[in-house]
Amino acid sequence: MKDAQFSDAVECFGAFEVDFQSRKLRKHGMRIRLEEQPFQILEMLLDRAGQVVTRKSLREKLWPNTIVGYEHSLNTAVNKLRGLLGDSAQSPRFIETVPRVGYRFIAPVTKLHRASSPAEKKMLMALPFENLSDSRERDYFADGLTEEMISQLAKLDPKRLGVIARTSAIQYKAAKKTIGEIAQELNVDYVLEGSVRGDGKRVRITTQLIETRAQTHLWSGSYDRDLRDVLNVQSEVARQVGKALALELLPEDSSKSFAFEASRTRAV
């Protein structure tokens, strides 16, 4: 564990940043989810960058009461860490194996004060909208709405809020996966999901924003529209949702990015 004097520092190497206080690893400002044991190994390696960290010291730190089986656990944790860093034992850029002894962190490391470190970039995914009506024609409308929604959300603040591309999101159409599973697979902080139902020329679009870590609802909206102009409905609802999410996720910049209504509209 880092000493208190280093607890507010961010250490950087290559495209990566490690924030020891919040215990987060980021690449180009985007959070990478790292399990606790690989994170502790990275922490020990960075604390003694350029020096050998023995397997014995790693065992005493991570598995102090384990005699049998820790070798496999250590190898697994190191392999996970290397995988997330895009590193390899054969051609190491960051973690070098010292045979029968331990590991050494070989890349240059710089320290940043917390105030000067870049803000963490959050990631959002818009799940394909679900068609709940009897008409299969609504599938085309739902798909078009999903595409327009992703396009609008991607314009909010690309430096602070990343949006998963449609090609990655579309694979989850009709997939029986939980929000937690999707969040883990794509490393997203927020998921926007929605549904479409309608009768004749009327359609109701319902959306909700979920924070994936606690799986809590942050916002929901419902929109009733006439379908005489499908493209305009898709575009207009996507803009309305974009405005609402900007208020929830980017409150500091929302007034600069959009001409907002005086109050949030839950149903229009």
Protein backbone atom coordinates (compact mmCIF):
# COMPACT_ATOMS: atom_id res chain seq x y z
CA MET A 1 0.00 0.00 0.00
CA LYS A 2 1.21 3.49 -0.77
CA ASP A 3 2.33 5.71 2.11
CA ALA A 4 0.01 8.58 3.06
CA GLN A 5 2.31 11.11 1.40
CA PHE A 6 1.71 9.43 -1.95
CA SER A 7 -2.01 8.74 -1.49
CA ASP A 8 -3.09 11.83 -3.44
CA ALA A 9 -0.71 11.18 -6.34
CA VAL A 10 -1.50 9.78 -9.77
CA GLU A 11 1.26 7.74 -11.38
CA CYS A 12 1.47 7.58 -15.17
CA PHE A 13 3.19 5.22 -17.59
CA GLY A 14 2.58 4.96 -21.31
CA ALA A 15 -1.10 5.68 -21.95
CA PHE A 16 -2.06 4.62 -18.41
CA GLU A 17 -2.77 6.47 -15.17
CA VAL A 18 -3.12 4.88 -11.73
CA ASP A 19 -5.02 6.76 -9.04
CA PHE A 20 -4.13 5.10 -5.74
CA GLN A 21 -6.63 7.00 -3.63
CA SER A 22 -9.67 6.02 -5.71
CA ARG A 23 -7.94 2.78 -6.75
CA LYS A 24 -8.67 3.25 -10.43
CA LEU A 25 -6.70 2.45 -13.56
CA ARG A 26 -7.34 4.58 -16.64
CA LYS A 27 -6.17 4.47 -20.24
CA HIS A 28 -6.45 7.71 -22.23
CA GLY A 29 -8.78 8.92 -19.46
CA MET A 30 -11.10 5.92 -19.74
CA ARG A 31 -11.46 3.67 -16.73
CA ILE A 32 -10.30 0.08 -17.01
CA ARG A 33 -11.88 -2.27 -14.50
CA LEU A 34 -9.12 -4.08 -12.64
CA GLU A 35 -9.67 -6.69 -9.95
CA GLU A 36 -8.20 -6.05 -6.51
CA GLN A 37 -5.34 -8.58 -6.59
CA PRO A 38 -3.95 -7.47 -9.98
CA PHE A 39 -4.30 -3.86 -8.77
CA GLN A 40 -2.27 -4.62 -5.64
CA ILE A 41 0.43 -6.25 -7.76
CA LEU A 42 0.58 -3.17 -9.99
CA GLU A 43 0.71 -0.99 -6.88
CA MET A 44 3.71 -2.90 -5.50
CA LEU A 45 5.51 -2.88 -8.84
CA LEU A 46 5.07 0.87 -9.30
CA ASP A 47 6.12 1.54 -5.72
CA ARG A 48 9.45 -0.12 -6.54
CA ALA A 49 9.67 0.68 -10.25
CA GLY A 50 12.98 -0.47 -11.71
CA GLN A 51 13.56 -2.87 -8.83
CA VAL A 52 12.74 -6.55 -8.50
CA VAL A 53 9.61 -7.36 -6.53
CA THR A 54 9.98 -10.95 -5.40
CA ARG A 55 7.27 -13.56 -5.64
CA LYS A 56 7.77 -14.10 -1.92
CA SER A 57 6.93 -10.48 -1.11
CA LEU A 58 3.88 -10.64 -3.37
CA ARG A 59 2.71 -13.81 -1.63
CA GLU A 60 3.20 -12.26 1.82
CA LYS A 61 1.19 -9.21 0.75
CA LEU A 62 -1.65 -10.86 -1.15
CA TRP A 63 -1.85 -14.40 0.26
CA PRO A 64 -0.32 -14.19 3.76
CA ASN A 65 -2.13 -17.25 5.10
CA THR A 66 -1.94 -19.43 2.00
CA ILE A 67 0.70 -22.13 1.59
CA VAL A 68 -0.76 -24.29 -1.17
CA GLY A 69 -2.13 -22.86 -4.43
CA TYR A 70 -0.81 -19.31 -4.24
CA GLU A 71 1.58 -19.90 -7.17
CA HIS A 72 -1.33 -20.45 -9.53
CA SER A 73 -3.22 -17.49 -8.07
CA LEU A 74 -0.18 -15.23 -8.50
CA ASN A 75 0.41 -16.33 -12.08
CA THR A 76 -3.27 -15.78 -12.90
CA ALA A 77 -3.29 -12.30 -11.37
CA VAL A 78 -0.10 -11.26 -13.21
CA ASN A 79 -1.50 -12.58 -16.50
CA LYS A 80 -4.72 -10.60 -15.99
CA LEU A 81 -2.72 -7.46 -15.29
CA ARG A 82 -0.56 -7.95 -18.36
CA GLY A 83 -3.62 -8.59 -20.48
CA LEU A 84 -5.26 -5.31 -19.47
CA LEU A 85 -2.02 -3.42 -20.08
CA GLY A 86 -1.51 -5.05 -23.48
CA ASP A 87 1.77 -6.48 -22.21
CA SER A 88 3.39 -9.89 -22.56
CA ALA A 89 6.05 -11.92 -20.77
CA GLN A 90 7.84 -12.61 -24.07
CA SER A 91 8.13 -8.94 -25.15
CA PRO A 92 7.53 -6.90 -22.00
CA ARG A 93 6.90 -3.16 -22.20
CA PHE A 94 5.88 -2.76 -18.57
CA ILE A 95 6.31 -5.92 -16.47
CA GLU A 96 9.47 -7.96 -16.86
CA THR A 97 9.73 -11.47 -15.44
CA VAL A 98 12.88 -12.21 -13.47
CA PRO A 99 13.00 -16.03 -13.70
CA ARG A 100 12.52 -17.87 -10.39
CA VAL A 101 12.70 -14.56 -8.50
CA GLY A 102 9.84 -12.19 -9.32
CA TYR A 103 8.94 -9.20 -11.49
CA ARG A 104 10.25 -5.75 -12.31
CA PHE A 105 8.39 -2.72 -13.68
CA ILE A 106 10.58 -1.45 -16.51
CA ALA A 107 8.65 1.47 -18.07
CA PRO A 108 9.28 5.12 -17.11
CA VAL A 109 6.86 6.32 -14.42
CA THR A 110 5.85 9.92 -13.71
CA LYS A 111 3.85 11.32 -10.81
CA LEU A 112 1.10 13.92 -11.10
CA HIS A 113 -0.59 15.81 -8.31
CA ARG A 114 -4.29 15.05 -8.15
CA ALA A 115 -5.27 18.60 -9.10
CA SER A 116 -3.35 18.33 -12.37
CA SER A 117 -4.53 14.87 -13.35
CA PRO A 118 -7.10 14.62 -16.16
CA ALA A 119 -10.74 14.11 -15.23
CA GLU A 120 -11.92 10.55 -15.59
CA LYS A 121 -13.87 9.89 -18.74
CA LYS A 122 -17.16 8.13 -18.13
CA MET A 123 -18.58 5.63 -20.59
CA LEU A 124 -22.21 5.31 -21.66
CA MET A 125 -23.93 2.66 -23.70
CA ALA A 126 -27.32 2.99 -25.38
CA LEU A 127 -28.87 -0.46 -25.59
CA PRO A 128 -30.96 -1.21 -28.69
CA PHE A 129 -34.50 0.00 -28.04
CA GLU A 130 -36.98 -2.83 -27.55
CA ASN A 131 -40.14 -3.06 -29.63
CA LEU A 132 -43.02 -3.93 -27.30
CA SER A 133 -45.79 -3.48 -29.88
CA ASP A 134 -47.40 -6.19 -31.97
CA SER A 135 -46.22 -4.65 -35.23
CA ARG A 136 -42.88 -5.84 -36.56
CA GLU A 137 -42.69 -2.58 -38.50
CA ARG A 138 -41.87 -0.93 -35.21
CA ASP A 139 -38.56 -2.86 -35.24
CA TYR A 140 -37.28 -0.54 -37.95
CA PHE A 141 -38.40 2.48 -35.97
CA ALA A 142 -36.72 1.18 -32.78
CA ASP A 143 -33.47 0.46 -34.64
CA GLY A 144 -33.47 3.91 -36.21
CA LEU A 145 -34.18 5.51 -32.84
CA THR A 146 -31.25 3.64 -31.29
CA GLU A 147 -28.91 4.84 -34.03
CA GLU A 148 -30.11 8.45 -33.72
CA MET A 149 -29.82 8.27 -29.93
CA ILE A 150 -26.19 7.13 -30.10
CA SER A 151 -25.40 9.90 -32.59
CA GLN A 152 -26.92 12.58 -30.34
CA LEU A 153 -25.30 11.30 -27.14
CA ALA A 154 -21.88 11.15 -28.79
CA LYS A 155 -22.05 14.92 -29.30
CA LEU A 156 -22.58 15.81 -25.63
CA ASP A 157 -18.98 16.07 -24.41
CA PRO A 158 -16.61 13.53 -26.04
CA LYS A 159 -13.75 14.44 -23.69
CA ARG A 160 -15.76 13.62 -20.57
CA LEU A 161 -18.40 11.18 -21.76
CA GLY A 162 -17.65 8.41 -24.22
CA VAL A 163 -20.45 6.55 -26.00
CA ILE A 164 -20.16 2.94 -27.13
CA ALA A 165 -20.42 2.62 -30.91
CA ARG A 166 -23.56 1.23 -32.52
CA THR A 167 -21.65 -1.76 -33.92
CA SER A 168 -20.80 -2.83 -30.37
CA ALA A 169 -24.22 -2.00 -28.93
CA ILE A 170 -26.24 -3.83 -31.60
CA GLN A 171 -24.88 -7.23 -30.50
CA TYR A 172 -26.95 -6.88 -27.33
CA LYS A 173 -30.25 -6.66 -29.20
CA ALA A 174 -32.51 -9.34 -27.71
CA ALA A 175 -29.57 -10.63 -25.66
CA LYS A 176 -30.56 -12.06 -22.29
CA LYS A 177 -27.84 -10.36 -20.28
CA THR A 178 -28.07 -8.32 -17.12
CA ILE A 179 -26.93 -4.71 -16.82
CA GLY A 180 -24.08 -5.93 -14.61
CA GLU A 181 -22.89 -8.41 -17.23
CA ILE A 182 -23.00 -5.79 -19.98
CA ALA A 183 -21.16 -3.27 -17.81
CA GLN A 184 -18.40 -5.76 -17.09
CA GLU A 185 -18.01 -6.79 -20.73
CA LEU A 186 -17.84 -3.22 -22.10
CA ASN A 187 -16.48 -1.29 -19.08
CA VAL A 188 -19.36 1.20 -19.09
CA ASP A 189 -20.48 3.42 -16.22
CA TYR A 190 -24.00 4.11 -17.51
CA VAL A 191 -26.54 2.26 -19.62
CA LEU A 192 -29.48 3.88 -21.39
CA GLU A 193 -32.26 1.45 -22.20
CA GLY A 194 -35.65 2.04 -23.70
CA SER A 195 -38.72 0.63 -25.36
CA VAL A 196 -41.15 1.51 -28.13
CA ARG A 197 -44.83 0.65 -28.22
CA GLY A 198 -47.59 2.03 -30.36
CA ASP A 199 -50.94 1.63 -32.05
CA GLY A 200 -51.54 2.91 -35.56
CA LYS A 201 -49.92 6.31 -36.00
CA ARG A 202 -49.10 6.91 -32.33
CA VAL A 203 -46.00 5.76 -30.50
CA ARG A 204 -44.82 5.92 -26.91
CA ILE A 205 -41.08 5.91 -26.26
CA THR A 206 -39.87 5.15 -22.73
CA THR A 207 -36.25 5.52 -21.65
CA GLN A 208 -34.27 5.13 -18.46
CA LEU A 209 -30.68 5.78 -17.43
CA ILE A 210 -28.96 3.29 -15.11
CA GLU A 211 -25.72 3.72 -13.19
CA THR A 212 -24.07 0.32 -13.57
CA ARG A 213 -21.95 0.07 -10.41
CA ALA A 214 -24.89 0.33 -8.00
CA GLN A 215 -27.46 -0.50 -10.72
CA THR A 216 -29.63 2.44 -9.70
CA HIS A 217 -32.00 4.48 -11.87
CA LEU A 218 -30.77 8.04 -12.36
CA TRP A 219 -33.40 9.29 -14.79
CA SER A 220 -36.39 8.20 -16.84
CA GLY A 221 -38.47 9.81 -19.54
CA SER A 222 -41.58 9.04 -21.57
CA TYR A 223 -42.48 10.59 -24.92
CA ASP A 224 -45.76 10.28 -26.85
CA ARG A 225 -45.55 11.16 -30.53
CA ASP A 226 -47.48 11.10 -33.79
CA LEU A 227 -45.68 9.02 -36.41
CA ARG A 228 -46.58 11.05 -39.48
CA ASP A 229 -42.90 11.97 -39.81
CA VAL A 230 -40.82 9.07 -38.49
CA LEU A 231 -37.40 10.62 -39.04
CA ASN A 232 -38.33 13.84 -37.26
CA VAL A 233 -39.74 11.90 -34.31
CA GLN A 234 -36.54 9.87 -33.96
CA SER A 235 -34.35 12.96 -34.15
CA GLU A 236 -36.49 15.11 -31.84
CA VAL A 237 -36.82 12.47 -29.11
CA ALA A 238 -33.09 11.71 -29.28
CA ARG A 239 -32.35 15.41 -28.77
CA GLN A 240 -34.74 15.58 -25.81
CA VAL A 241 -33.08 12.58 -24.17
CA GLY A 242 -29.65 14.06 -24.90
CA LYS A 243 -30.61 17.26 -23.11
CA ALA A 244 -31.91 15.37 -20.09
CA LEU A 245 -28.82 13.18 -19.82
CA ALA A 246 -26.54 16.19 -20.12
CA LEU A 247 -28.26 17.62 -17.05
CA GLU A 248 -27.72 14.36 -15.18
CA LEU A 249 -24.17 13.51 -16.27
CA LEU A 250 -22.60 16.83 -17.30
CA PRO A 251 -24.30 19.47 -15.15
CA GLU A 252 -21.39 21.92 -15.35
CA ASP A 253 -21.49 22.16 -19.13
CA SER A 254 -25.14 21.51 -19.93
CA SER A 255 -26.09 25.17 -20.23
CA LYS A 256 -23.24 25.73 -22.67
CA SER A 257 -24.05 22.77 -24.87
CA PHE A 258 -27.81 23.09 -25.26
CA ALA A 259 -30.65 25.59 -25.05
CA PHE A 260 -32.44 23.85 -22.22
CA GLU A 261 -35.98 24.28 -21.08
CA ALA A 262 -36.48 25.95 -17.70
CA SER A 263 -37.38 22.63 -16.10
CA ARG A 264 -36.90 18.98 -16.95
CA THR A 265 -39.69 17.40 -18.91
CA ARG A 266 -40.48 13.89 -17.81
CA ALA A 267 -43.26 13.41 -20.36
CA VAL A 268 -43.94 15.46 -23.45
